[in-house]
Amino acid sequence: MITVKDLYFEYPGVLALDNVSFSVGEGSITALVGPNGAGKTTLLRCIAALDEPVSGGITLDGVDVLENPRDCHRKVGYISDFFGLYDNLTVEQCLRYTAMSHGMNESGWEAGVKRASSRVGLGVRLQQKAGALSRGLRQRLAIAQSIIHSPKLLLLDEPASGLDPEARAALSGLFKGLRDEGMTLVVSSHIIAELEEYSTDMLILKDGRVAGQRRVGQEAGAVSSVLMKVTLARPDSRLVEIIGGASGVSDIRLDGRHCWFRLTGGDAAASDLLGTLVGQGVRVSGFTDVKAGMQHEYMTVVRPGAVRSADQKTAPADNVHDAGEEARP
């Protein structure tokens, strides 16, 4: 659905995106995460053809975004972190106005209003003014406006900001429903535990670069590598060399008696590696796969030292506060 290649974006004196390349598959929900200032908002705006990069390319459903921004707008729905509504208009009028701005004719916007309002649970509030809606319902109206033209891609920047737990849960269900209807979503948020409820993929930005991309949750079964942890009875200087020499091993991280790495090949490869370690006299006291969620995966990339410390002491917290919304210059 999305292909980004060698993307650069610069604000005066700040390189916001630095050689960013990745792809997003159709029908996925990608969690876009990273520390403040990582480039998340800038990346979303470039994909939505709202900001033009210095160089690089973006293809969206076969359309060159930089050469055909208007065609891109027809395929994309976008909600910024600070969205606005016309408070004096009713829900129906807001949706009708958005539909007409997309060039939809009367029959098209009438069907679009019904469809979009029903999707977000606002069908009974069409005559209520936007200014009278709660924060959660305003968020739903903004989403309805972004999908009224039935886009193939929906980009959301901090969509759950300011919502109560009940509204957040409803939003999660809505996103999964949109995906089931064939829409592709990219969601930027700093609440990683919440993203894990509905995301199929995770894209990590750090300092304007792609620091990692992987499948998550139930979708992670499509990935052949698993995160492993070895614990030794006493430190052994040979550990990294032995593990690194095994087939299917990557991303090795060592901290004293503890070592983390990714391994492909399933149980057979794990059994062979454990046999090699024991056979060479390494005093192994623990050898297991780590049931890592998005929180752990994120911290492994962004703050590997913090992950090692947390693994040795206690499980990490649910939320990563420094993965918050990006402060744009």
C-alpha atoms as a PDB file:
ATOM      1  CA  MET A   1       0.000   0.000   0.000  1.00  0.00           C
ATOM      2  CA  ILE A   2       2.779   2.449   0.940  1.00  0.00           C
ATOM      3  CA  THR A   3       6.378   2.496  -0.256  1.00  0.00           C
ATOM      4  CA  VAL A   4       8.723   5.181   1.076  1.00  0.00           C
ATOM      5  CA  LYS A   5      12.225   5.373  -0.342  1.00  0.00           C
ATOM      6  CA  ASP A   6      15.198   7.527   0.700  1.00  0.00           C
ATOM      7  CA  LEU A   7      12.999  10.267   2.179  1.00  0.00           C
ATOM      8  CA  TYR A   8      14.600  13.448   3.484  1.00  0.00           C
ATOM      9  CA  PHE A   9      12.775  16.372   5.109  1.00  0.00           C
ATOM     10  CA  GLU A  10      14.386  19.424   6.626  1.00  0.00           C
ATOM     11  CA  TYR A  11      13.049  22.270   8.721  1.00  0.00           C
ATOM     12  CA  PRO A  12      15.370  25.297   9.029  1.00  0.00           C
ATOM     13  CA  GLY A  13      18.363  23.889  10.855  1.00  0.00           C
ATOM     14  CA  VAL A  14      16.664  20.558  11.665  1.00  0.00           C
ATOM     15  CA  LEU A  15      16.832  17.336   9.655  1.00  0.00           C
ATOM     16  CA  ALA A  16      13.456  15.818  10.562  1.00  0.00           C
ATOM     17  CA  LEU A  17      13.612  12.778   8.251  1.00  0.00           C
ATOM     18  CA  ASP A  18      16.963  11.263   7.342  1.00  0.00           C
ATOM     19  CA  ASN A  19      17.011   8.672   4.536  1.00  0.00           C
ATOM     20  CA  VAL A  20      13.741   7.030   5.595  1.00  0.00           C
ATOM     21  CA  SER A  21      12.733   3.897   3.666  1.00  0.00           C
ATOM     22  CA  PHE A  22      10.036   1.326   4.462  1.00  0.00           C
ATOM     23  CA  SER A  23       6.868  -0.262   3.122  1.00  0.00           C
ATOM     24  CA  VAL A  24       3.410  -0.883   4.592  1.00  0.00           C
ATOM     25  CA  GLY A  25       1.264  -3.769   3.410  1.00  0.00           C
ATOM     26  CA  GLU A  26      -2.364  -3.456   2.401  1.00  0.00           C
ATOM     27  CA  GLY A  27      -4.930  -4.266   5.092  1.00  0.00           C
ATOM     28  CA  SER A  28      -2.517  -3.727   7.996  1.00  0.00           C
ATOM     29  CA  ILE A  29      -2.612  -1.465  11.049  1.00  0.00           C
ATOM     30  CA  THR A  30       0.861  -0.040  11.581  1.00  0.00           C
ATOM     31  CA  ALA A  31       1.781   1.525  14.924  1.00  0.00           C
ATOM     32  CA  LEU A  32       4.120   4.450  14.290  1.00  0.00           C
ATOM     33  CA  VAL A  33       6.153   4.988  17.458  1.00  0.00           C
ATOM     34  CA  GLY A  34       9.255   6.855  18.548  1.00  0.00           C
ATOM     35  CA  PRO A  35      10.551   9.450  21.025  1.00  0.00           C
ATOM     36  CA  ASN A  36       9.499  13.097  20.874  1.00  0.00           C
ATOM     37  CA  GLY A  37      10.929  14.750  17.787  1.00  0.00           C
ATOM     38  CA  ALA A  38      11.583  11.445  16.020  1.00  0.00           C
ATOM     39  CA  GLY A  39       9.790  12.608  12.847  1.00  0.00           C
ATOM     40  CA  LYS A  40       6.447  10.830  13.203  1.00  0.00           C
ATOM     41  CA  THR A  41       4.153  13.777  12.443  1.00  0.00           C
ATOM     42  CA  THR A  42       6.373  14.958   9.601  1.00  0.00           C
ATOM     43  CA  LEU A  43       6.336  11.479   8.060  1.00  0.00           C
ATOM     44  CA  LEU A  44       2.535  11.260   8.231  1.00  0.00           C
ATOM     45  CA  ARG A  45       2.154  14.681   6.620  1.00  0.00           C
ATOM     46  CA  CYS A  46       4.520  13.719   3.809  1.00  0.00           C
ATOM     47  CA  ILE A  47       2.576  10.510   3.124  1.00  0.00           C
ATOM     48  CA  ALA A  48      -0.664  12.515   3.124  1.00  0.00           C
ATOM     49  CA  ALA A  49       0.825  14.913   0.523  1.00  0.00           C
ATOM     50  CA  LEU A  50       0.554  17.854   2.931  1.00  0.00           C
ATOM     51  CA  ASP A  51       4.303  18.480   3.256  1.00  0.00           C
ATOM     52  CA  GLU A  52       6.844  18.097   0.454  1.00  0.00           C
ATOM     53  CA  PRO A  53      10.166  16.437   1.333  1.00  0.00           C
ATOM     54  CA  VAL A  54      13.544  17.676   0.188  1.00  0.00           C
ATOM     55  CA  SER A  55      14.130  14.446  -1.710  1.00  0.00           C
ATOM     56  CA  GLY A  56      13.049  10.841  -1.897  1.00  0.00           C
ATOM     57  CA  GLY A  57       9.915   9.124  -3.108  1.00  0.00           C
ATOM     58  CA  ILE A  58       6.524   8.000  -1.776  1.00  0.00           C
ATOM     59  CA  THR A  59       4.192   5.654  -3.613  1.00  0.00           C
ATOM     60  CA  LEU A  60       0.668   5.107  -2.321  1.00  0.00           C
ATOM     61  CA  ASP A  61      -1.454   2.390  -3.929  1.00  0.00           C
ATOM     62  CA  GLY A  62       0.504   2.834  -7.134  1.00  0.00           C
ATOM     63  CA  VAL A  63       0.290   6.643  -7.102  1.00  0.00           C
ATOM     64  CA  ASP A  64       3.407   8.818  -6.918  1.00  0.00           C
ATOM     65  CA  VAL A  65       2.500  11.110  -4.023  1.00  0.00           C
ATOM     66  CA  LEU A  66       4.929  13.889  -4.952  1.00  0.00           C
ATOM     67  CA  GLU A  67       3.889  14.035  -8.604  1.00  0.00           C
ATOM     68  CA  ASN A  68       0.144  13.498  -8.064  1.00  0.00           C
ATOM     69  CA  PRO A  69      -0.818  14.900  -4.642  1.00  0.00           C
ATOM     70  CA  ARG A  70      -4.479  15.380  -5.600  1.00  0.00           C
ATOM     71  CA  ASP A  71      -4.801  11.741  -6.582  1.00  0.00           C
ATOM     72  CA  CYS A  72      -3.230  10.873  -3.258  1.00  0.00           C
ATOM     73  CA  HIS A  73      -5.796  12.969  -1.366  1.00  0.00           C
ATOM     74  CA  ARG A  74      -8.578  10.890  -2.888  1.00  0.00           C
ATOM     75  CA  LYS A  75      -7.047   7.729  -1.476  1.00  0.00           C
ATOM     76  CA  VAL A  76      -6.087   9.020   1.980  1.00  0.00           C
ATOM     77  CA  GLY A  77      -7.896  10.028   5.136  1.00  0.00           C
ATOM     78  CA  TYR A  78      -5.816  12.051   7.611  1.00  0.00           C
ATOM     79  CA  ILE A  79      -6.398  13.265  11.172  1.00  0.00           C
ATOM     80  CA  SER A  80      -3.793  15.515  12.762  1.00  0.00           C
ATOM     81  CA  ASP A  81      -3.022  15.495  16.467  1.00  0.00           C
ATOM     82  CA  PHE A  82      -4.801  18.849  16.787  1.00  0.00           C
ATOM     83  CA  PHE A  83      -7.864  18.653  14.570  1.00  0.00           C
ATOM     84  CA  GLY A  84     -10.613  21.242  14.192  1.00  0.00           C
ATOM     85  CA  LEU A  85     -14.371  20.990  13.745  1.00  0.00           C
ATOM     86  CA  TYR A  86     -17.017  23.549  12.813  1.00  0.00           C
ATOM     87  CA  ASP A  87     -18.742  23.735  16.192  1.00  0.00           C
ATOM     88  CA  ASN A  88     -21.819  25.563  14.892  1.00  0.00           C
ATOM     89  CA  LEU A  89     -22.553  22.901  12.291  1.00  0.00           C
ATOM     90  CA  THR A  90     -24.444  19.709  13.016  1.00  0.00           C
ATOM     91  CA  VAL A  91     -22.768  16.323  12.643  1.00  0.00           C
ATOM     92  CA  GLU A  92     -24.609  15.848   9.353  1.00  0.00           C
ATOM     93  CA  GLN A  93     -23.560  19.260   8.060  1.00  0.00           C
ATOM     94  CA  CYS A  94     -19.916  18.622   8.995  1.00  0.00           C
ATOM     95  CA  LEU A  95     -19.949  15.344   7.102  1.00  0.00           C
ATOM     96  CA  ARG A  96     -21.802  16.817   4.132  1.00  0.00           C
ATOM     97  CA  TYR A  97     -19.317  19.688   3.887  1.00  0.00           C
ATOM     98  CA  THR A  98     -16.366  17.270   3.962  1.00  0.00           C
ATOM     99  CA  ALA A  99     -17.968  15.052   1.316  1.00  0.00           C
ATOM    100  CA  MET A 100     -18.584  18.008  -0.984  1.00  0.00           C
ATOM    101  CA  SER A 101     -14.989  19.200  -0.493  1.00  0.00           C
ATOM    102  CA  HIS A 102     -13.898  15.827  -1.865  1.00  0.00           C
ATOM    103  CA  GLY A 103     -15.990  16.455  -4.972  1.00  0.00           C
ATOM    104  CA  MET A 104     -18.713  13.938  -4.150  1.00  0.00           C
ATOM    105  CA  ASN A 105     -22.089  14.594  -5.783  1.00  0.00           C
ATOM    106  CA  GLU A 106     -25.364  14.749  -3.858  1.00  0.00           C
ATOM    107  CA  SER A 107     -26.155  11.043  -4.091  1.00  0.00           C
ATOM    108  CA  GLY A 108     -22.587  10.260  -3.152  1.00  0.00           C
ATOM    109  CA  TRP A 109     -22.460  12.434  -0.061  1.00  0.00           C
ATOM    110  CA  GLU A 110     -25.882  11.301   1.133  1.00  0.00           C
ATOM    111  CA  ALA A 111     -24.697   7.697   1.083  1.00  0.00           C
ATOM    112  CA  GLY A 112     -21.346   8.759   2.518  1.00  0.00           C
ATOM    113  CA  VAL A 113     -22.926  10.548   5.484  1.00  0.00           C
ATOM    114  CA  LYS A 114     -24.975   7.487   6.387  1.00  0.00           C
ATOM    115  CA  ARG A 115     -22.069   5.116   5.916  1.00  0.00           C
ATOM    116  CA  ALA A 116     -19.456   7.164   7.809  1.00  0.00           C
ATOM    117  CA  SER A 117     -21.758   8.113  10.698  1.00  0.00           C
ATOM    118  CA  SER A 118     -22.827   4.498  11.103  1.00  0.00           C
ATOM    119  CA  ARG A 119     -19.226   3.270  11.130  1.00  0.00           C
ATOM    120  CA  VAL A 120     -18.314   5.533  14.057  1.00  0.00           C
ATOM    121  CA  GLY A 121     -21.581   5.254  15.969  1.00  0.00           C
ATOM    122  CA  LEU A 122     -22.896   8.761  15.287  1.00  0.00           C
ATOM    123  CA  GLY A 123     -25.973   7.784  13.303  1.00  0.00           C
ATOM    124  CA  VAL A 124     -28.304   8.944  16.090  1.00  0.00           C
ATOM    125  CA  ARG A 125     -26.492  12.263  16.557  1.00  0.00           C
ATOM    126  CA  LEU A 126     -26.674  13.668  13.023  1.00  0.00           C
ATOM    127  CA  GLN A 127     -28.683  16.708  14.127  1.00  0.00           C
ATOM    128  CA  GLN A 128     -26.513  17.456  17.165  1.00  0.00           C
ATOM    129  CA  LYS A 129     -24.040  20.317  16.839  1.00  0.00           C
ATOM    130  CA  ALA A 130     -20.368  19.435  16.833  1.00  0.00           C
ATOM    131  CA  GLY A 131     -19.692  21.937  19.608  1.00  0.00           C
ATOM    132  CA  ALA A 132     -21.988  20.020  21.950  1.00  0.00           C
ATOM    133  CA  LEU A 133     -20.194  16.691  21.537  1.00  0.00           C
ATOM    134  CA  SER A 134     -17.906  15.166  24.151  1.00  0.00           C
ATOM    135  CA  ARG A 135     -14.196  14.778  23.431  1.00  0.00           C
ATOM    136  CA  GLY A 136     -14.659  11.122  22.455  1.00  0.00           C
ATOM    137  CA  LEU A 137     -17.575  11.876  20.128  1.00  0.00           C
ATOM    138  CA  ARG A 138     -15.677  14.774  18.538  1.00  0.00           C
ATOM    139  CA  GLN A 139     -12.856  12.349  17.840  1.00  0.00           C
ATOM    140  CA  ARG A 140     -15.341   9.996  16.209  1.00  0.00           C
ATOM    141  CA  LEU A 141     -16.711  12.817  14.077  1.00  0.00           C
ATOM    142  CA  ALA A 142     -13.194  13.694  12.935  1.00  0.00           C
ATOM    143  CA  ILE A 143     -12.646  10.068  11.942  1.00  0.00           C
ATOM    144  CA  ALA A 144     -15.996  10.001  10.131  1.00  0.00           C
ATOM    145  CA  GLN A 145     -14.941  13.075   8.143  1.00  0.00           C
ATOM    146  CA  SER A 146     -11.645  11.412   7.241  1.00  0.00           C
ATOM    147  CA  ILE A 147     -13.305   8.239   5.906  1.00  0.00           C
ATOM    148  CA  ILE A 148     -16.401   9.701   4.241  1.00  0.00           C
ATOM    149  CA  HIS A 149     -14.807   9.358   0.806  1.00  0.00           C
ATOM    150  CA  SER A 150     -13.916   5.687   1.507  1.00  0.00           C
ATOM    151  CA  PRO A 151     -10.134   6.096   1.433  1.00  0.00           C
ATOM    152  CA  LYS A 152      -7.845   3.116   1.091  1.00  0.00           C
ATOM    153  CA  LEU A 153      -5.449   4.514   3.699  1.00  0.00           C
ATOM    154  CA  LEU A 154      -6.191   6.208   7.031  1.00  0.00           C
ATOM    155  CA  LEU A 155      -3.430   8.157   8.798  1.00  0.00           C
ATOM    156  CA  LEU A 156      -4.038   9.079  12.458  1.00  0.00           C
ATOM    157  CA  ASP A 157      -1.744  11.213  14.618  1.00  0.00           C
ATOM    158  CA  GLU A 158      -2.367  10.653  18.363  1.00  0.00           C
ATOM    159  CA  PRO A 159      -6.051   9.745  17.846  1.00  0.00           C
ATOM    160  CA  ALA A 160      -6.651   8.710  21.473  1.00  0.00           C
ATOM    161  CA  SER A 161      -5.159  11.826  23.068  1.00  0.00           C
ATOM    162  CA  GLY A 162      -7.391  13.120  25.858  1.00  0.00           C
ATOM    163  CA  LEU A 163      -9.881  10.250  25.725  1.00  0.00           C
ATOM    164  CA  ASP A 164     -11.117   8.326  28.753  1.00  0.00           C
ATOM    165  CA  PRO A 165     -10.533   4.538  28.989  1.00  0.00           C
ATOM    166  CA  GLU A 166     -14.013   3.684  27.674  1.00  0.00           C
ATOM    167  CA  ALA A 167     -13.586   5.937  24.647  1.00  0.00           C
ATOM    168  CA  ARG A 168     -10.129   4.489  23.989  1.00  0.00           C
ATOM    169  CA  ALA A 169     -11.540   0.952  24.000  1.00  0.00           C
ATOM    170  CA  ALA A 170     -14.283   1.985  21.575  1.00  0.00           C
ATOM    171  CA  LEU A 171     -11.687   3.566  19.308  1.00  0.00           C
ATOM    172  CA  SER A 172      -9.688   0.340  19.285  1.00  0.00           C
ATOM    173  CA  GLY A 173     -12.755  -1.582  18.165  1.00  0.00           C
ATOM    174  CA  LEU A 174     -13.435   0.981  15.459  1.00  0.00           C
ATOM    175  CA  PHE A 175      -9.920   0.669  14.031  1.00  0.00           C
ATOM    176  CA  LYS A 176     -10.158  -3.111  13.882  1.00  0.00           C
ATOM    177  CA  GLY A 177     -13.537  -2.794  12.175  1.00  0.00           C
ATOM    178  CA  LEU A 178     -12.140  -0.446   9.540  1.00  0.00           C
ATOM    179  CA  ARG A 179      -9.283  -2.841   8.897  1.00  0.00           C
ATOM    180  CA  ASP A 180     -11.751  -5.724   8.519  1.00  0.00           C
ATOM    181  CA  GLU A 181     -13.514  -3.654   5.850  1.00  0.00           C
ATOM    182  CA  GLY A 182     -10.272  -3.484   3.867  1.00  0.00           C
ATOM    183  CA  MET A 183      -8.792  -0.173   5.016  1.00  0.00           C
ATOM    184  CA  THR A 184      -5.073   0.225   5.791  1.00  0.00           C
ATOM    185  CA  LEU A 185      -4.237   2.286   8.884  1.00  0.00           C
ATOM    186  CA  VAL A 186      -1.102   3.985  10.210  1.00  0.00           C
ATOM    187  CA  VAL A 187      -1.542   5.158  13.812  1.00  0.00           C
ATOM    188  CA  SER A 188       0.915   7.301  15.736  1.00  0.00           C
ATOM    189  CA  SER A 189       0.531   7.165  19.517  1.00  0.00           C
ATOM    190  CA  HIS A 190       2.606   7.213  22.706  1.00  0.00           C
ATOM    191  CA  ILE A 191       0.339   4.701  24.477  1.00  0.00           C
ATOM    192  CA  ILE A 192       2.046   1.519  23.374  1.00  0.00           C
ATOM    193  CA  ALA A 193      -0.057  -0.877  25.453  1.00  0.00           C
ATOM    194  CA  GLU A 194      -3.119   0.455  23.675  1.00  0.00           C
ATOM    195  CA  LEU A 195      -1.557   0.175  20.219  1.00  0.00           C
ATOM    196  CA  GLU A 196      -0.858  -3.481  20.913  1.00  0.00           C
ATOM    197  CA  GLU A 197      -4.594  -4.166  21.113  1.00  0.00           C
ATOM    198  CA  TYR A 198      -5.127  -3.593  17.405  1.00  0.00           C
ATOM    199  CA  SER A 199      -1.820  -3.172  15.568  1.00  0.00           C
ATOM    200  CA  THR A 200      -0.440  -5.769  13.182  1.00  0.00           C
ATOM    201  CA  ASP A 201       2.893  -4.013  12.572  1.00  0.00           C
ATOM    202  CA  MET A 202       5.200  -1.579  14.351  1.00  0.00           C
ATOM    203  CA  LEU A 203       7.405   1.049  12.706  1.00  0.00           C
ATOM    204  CA  ILE A 204       9.937   2.708  15.025  1.00  0.00           C
ATOM    205  CA  LEU A 205      11.461   6.103  14.256  1.00  0.00           C
ATOM    206  CA  LYS A 206      14.411   7.519  16.146  1.00  0.00           C
ATOM    207  CA  ASP A 207      16.265  10.734  15.312  1.00  0.00           C
ATOM    208  CA  GLY A 208      14.505  10.941  11.964  1.00  0.00           C
ATOM    209  CA  ARG A 209      15.505   7.453  10.862  1.00  0.00           C
ATOM    210  CA  VAL A 210      13.799   4.064  10.753  1.00  0.00           C
ATOM    211  CA  ALA A 211      15.157   2.224  13.791  1.00  0.00           C
ATOM    212  CA  GLY A 212      13.069  -0.898  13.320  1.00  0.00           C
ATOM    213  CA  GLN A 213      10.019  -2.429  11.673  1.00  0.00           C
ATOM    214  CA  ARG A 214       8.375  -5.700  12.622  1.00  0.00           C
ATOM    215  CA  ARG A 215       5.150  -7.640  12.925  1.00  0.00           C
ATOM    216  CA  VAL A 216       3.485  -7.681  16.330  1.00  0.00           C
ATOM    217  CA  GLY A 217       0.757  -9.402  18.311  1.00  0.00           C
ATOM    218  CA  GLN A 218      -1.002 -12.320  16.685  1.00  0.00           C
ATOM    219  CA  GLU A 219       0.484 -11.251  13.362  1.00  0.00           C
ATOM    220  CA  ALA A 220       3.986 -11.889  14.713  1.00  0.00           C
ATOM    221  CA  GLY A 221       3.559 -15.549  13.886  1.00  0.00           C
ATOM    222  CA  ALA A 222       4.342 -14.582  10.303  1.00  0.00           C
ATOM    223  CA  VAL A 223       7.871 -13.673  11.423  1.00  0.00           C
ATOM    224  CA  SER A 224      10.303 -16.574  11.585  1.00  0.00           C
ATOM    225  CA  SER A 225      12.620 -15.043  14.218  1.00  0.00           C
ATOM    226  CA  VAL A 226      11.972 -15.034  17.963  1.00  0.00           C
ATOM    227  CA  LEU A 227      13.616 -13.092  20.760  1.00  0.00           C
ATOM    228  CA  MET A 228      15.729 -15.375  22.990  1.00  0.00           C
ATOM    229  CA  LYS A 229      17.382 -14.815  26.357  1.00  0.00           C
ATOM    230  CA  VAL A 230      20.335 -16.741  27.776  1.00  0.00           C
ATOM    231  CA  THR A 231      21.332 -16.416  31.433  1.00  0.00           C
ATOM    232  CA  LEU A 232      24.667 -17.767  32.666  1.00  0.00           C
ATOM    233  CA  ALA A 233      25.626 -19.057  36.101  1.00  0.00           C
ATOM    234  CA  ARG A 234      28.737 -16.914  35.740  1.00  0.00           C
ATOM    235  CA  PRO A 235      29.995 -14.548  33.002  1.00  0.00           C
ATOM    236  CA  ASP A 236      31.774 -16.154  30.057  1.00  0.00           C
ATOM    237  CA  SER A 237      33.776 -14.036  27.586  1.00  0.00           C
ATOM    238  CA  ARG A 238      33.114 -16.581  24.821  1.00  0.00           C
ATOM    239  CA  LEU A 239      29.336 -16.235  24.906  1.00  0.00           C
ATOM    240  CA  VAL A 240      28.839 -13.648  22.134  1.00  0.00           C
ATOM    241  CA  GLU A 241      31.340 -15.385  19.860  1.00  0.00           C
ATOM    242  CA  ILE A 242      29.654 -18.772  20.278  1.00  0.00           C
ATOM    243  CA  ILE A 243      26.124 -17.442  19.828  1.00  0.00           C
ATOM    244  CA  GLY A 244      27.177 -15.230  16.924  1.00  0.00           C
ATOM    245  CA  GLY A 245      28.666 -18.219  15.145  1.00  0.00           C
ATOM    246  CA  ALA A 246      25.393 -20.121  15.162  1.00  0.00           C
ATOM    247  CA  SER A 247      23.095 -20.168  12.142  1.00  0.00           C
ATOM    248  CA  GLY A 248      20.045 -17.902  12.223  1.00  0.00           C
ATOM    249  CA  VAL A 249      21.270 -15.601  15.009  1.00  0.00           C
ATOM    250  CA  SER A 250      21.065 -11.808  14.804  1.00  0.00           C
ATOM    251  CA  ASP A 251      20.762  -8.674  16.945  1.00  0.00           C
ATOM    252  CA  ILE A 252      22.889  -9.893  19.883  1.00  0.00           C
ATOM    253  CA  ARG A 253      22.864  -7.785  23.074  1.00  0.00           C
ATOM    254  CA  LEU A 254      24.990  -8.681  26.092  1.00  0.00           C
ATOM    255  CA  ASP A 255      24.849  -7.424  29.677  1.00  0.00           C
ATOM    256  CA  GLY A 256      26.991  -9.388  32.100  1.00  0.00           C
ATOM    257  CA  ARG A 257      25.440 -12.819  32.619  1.00  0.00           C
ATOM    258  CA  HIS A 258      22.460 -12.014  30.384  1.00  0.00           C
ATOM    259  CA  CYS A 259      22.331 -12.128  26.588  1.00  0.00           C
ATOM    260  CA  TRP A 260      19.459 -11.383  24.214  1.00  0.00           C
ATOM    261  CA  PHE A 261      19.339 -12.252  20.512  1.00  0.00           C
ATOM    262  CA  ARG A 262      16.938 -13.079  17.716  1.00  0.00           C
ATOM    263  CA  LEU A 263      16.885 -16.624  16.359  1.00  0.00           C
ATOM    264  CA  THR A 264      15.351 -18.171  13.253  1.00  0.00           C
ATOM    265  CA  GLY A 265      14.804 -21.860  12.724  1.00  0.00           C
ATOM    266  CA  GLY A 266      12.339 -22.673  15.498  1.00  0.00           C
ATOM    267  CA  ASP A 267      12.800 -25.303  18.215  1.00  0.00           C
ATOM    268  CA  ALA A 268      15.407 -27.255  16.262  1.00  0.00           C
ATOM    269  CA  ALA A 269      17.711 -24.237  15.989  1.00  0.00           C
ATOM    270  CA  ALA A 270      17.223 -23.404  19.686  1.00  0.00           C
ATOM    271  CA  SER A 271      18.018 -26.984  20.696  1.00  0.00           C
ATOM    272  CA  ASP A 272      21.158 -27.034  18.547  1.00  0.00           C
ATOM    273  CA  LEU A 273      22.406 -23.739  19.984  1.00  0.00           C
ATOM    274  CA  LEU A 274      21.795 -24.809  23.566  1.00  0.00           C
ATOM    275  CA  GLY A 275      23.656 -28.052  22.869  1.00  0.00           C
ATOM    276  CA  THR A 276      26.590 -26.083  21.439  1.00  0.00           C
ATOM    277  CA  LEU A 277      26.759 -23.813  24.486  1.00  0.00           C
ATOM    278  CA  VAL A 278      26.661 -26.700  26.951  1.00  0.00           C
ATOM    279  CA  GLY A 279      29.074 -28.745  24.834  1.00  0.00           C
ATOM    280  CA  GLN A 280      31.643 -25.955  24.981  1.00  0.00           C
ATOM    281  CA  GLY A 281      31.399 -25.702  28.740  1.00  0.00           C
ATOM    282  CA  VAL A 282      29.303 -22.544  28.998  1.00  0.00           C
ATOM    283  CA  ARG A 283      27.446 -22.622  32.342  1.00  0.00           C
ATOM    284  CA  VAL A 284      23.886 -21.944  31.154  1.00  0.00           C
ATOM    285  CA  SER A 285      21.320 -21.405  33.926  1.00  0.00           C
ATOM    286  CA  GLY A 286      18.518 -20.096  31.723  1.00  0.00           C
ATOM    287  CA  PHE A 287      17.628 -20.459  28.035  1.00  0.00           C
ATOM    288  CA  THR A 288      14.198 -19.316  26.877  1.00  0.00           C
ATOM    289  CA  ASP A 289      12.250 -17.373  24.306  1.00  0.00           C
ATOM    290  CA  VAL A 290      11.009 -13.968  25.464  1.00  0.00           C
ATOM    291  CA  LYS A 291       7.312 -13.344  24.995  1.00  0.00           C
ATOM    292  CA  ALA A 292       7.987  -9.771  24.034  1.00  0.00           C
ATOM    293  CA  GLY A 293       5.193  -7.328  23.419  1.00  0.00           C
ATOM    294  CA  MET A 294       5.404  -4.021  21.593  1.00  0.00           C
ATOM    295  CA  GLN A 295       6.646  -2.285  24.747  1.00  0.00           C
ATOM    296  CA  HIS A 296       9.644  -4.587  25.004  1.00  0.00           C
ATOM    297  CA  GLU A 297      10.325  -4.502  21.269  1.00  0.00           C
ATOM    298  CA  TYR A 298      10.204  -0.710  21.291  1.00  0.00           C
ATOM    299  CA  MET A 299      12.531  -0.370  24.263  1.00  0.00           C
ATOM    300  CA  THR A 300      14.912  -2.937  22.779  1.00  0.00           C
ATOM    301  CA  VAL A 301      15.458  -0.584  19.839  1.00  0.00           C
ATOM    302  CA  VAL A 302      15.178   2.843  21.470  1.00  0.00           C
ATOM    303  CA  ARG A 303      16.624   2.176  24.935  1.00  0.00           C
ATOM    304  CA  PRO A 304      18.388  -1.197  24.927  1.00  0.00           C
ATOM    305  CA  GLY A 305      20.135  -0.502  28.236  1.00  0.00           C
ATOM    306  CA  ALA A 306      16.820   0.161  29.945  1.00  0.00           C
ATOM    307  CA  VAL A 307      15.416  -3.110  28.597  1.00  0.00           C
ATOM    308  CA  ARG A 308      18.299  -5.128  29.972  1.00  0.00           C
ATOM    309  CA  SER A 309      17.904  -3.509  33.372  1.00  0.00           C
ATOM    310  CA  ALA A 310      14.172  -4.088  33.384  1.00  0.00           C
ATOM    311  CA  ASP A 311      14.577  -7.736  32.361  1.00  0.00           C
ATOM    312  CA  GLN A 312      16.922  -8.303  35.277  1.00  0.00           C
ATOM    313  CA  LYS A 313      14.706  -6.590  37.851  1.00  0.00           C
ATOM    314  CA  THR A 314      11.060  -6.380  36.856  1.00  0.00           C
ATOM    315  CA  ALA A 315       8.744  -6.342  33.861  1.00  0.00           C
ATOM    316  CA  PRO A 316       8.596  -3.001  32.014  1.00  0.00           C
ATOM    317  CA  ALA A 317       5.679  -0.647  32.495  1.00  0.00           C
ATOM    318  CA  ASP A 318       2.780  -0.596  30.040  1.00  0.00           C
ATOM    319  CA  ASN A 319       3.431   2.879  28.677  1.00  0.00           C
ATOM    320  CA  VAL A 320       6.520   4.541  27.256  1.00  0.00           C
ATOM    321  CA  HIS A 321       6.249   8.216  28.080  1.00  0.00           C
ATOM    322  CA  ASP A 322       9.114   9.361  25.898  1.00  0.00           C
ATOM    323  CA  ALA A 323       7.404   7.891  22.852  1.00  0.00           C
ATOM    324  CA  GLY A 324       4.955  10.753  22.914  1.00  0.00           C
ATOM    325  CA  GLU A 325       3.685  13.107  20.297  1.00  0.00           C
ATOM    326  CA  GLU A 326       6.294  14.892  18.303  1.00  0.00           C
ATOM    327  CA  ALA A 327       6.991  18.546  18.911  1.00  0.00           C
ATOM    328  CA  ARG A 328       7.240  20.151  15.491  1.00  0.00           C
ATOM    329  CA  PRO A 329       9.456  23.211  15.084  1.00  0.00           C
END
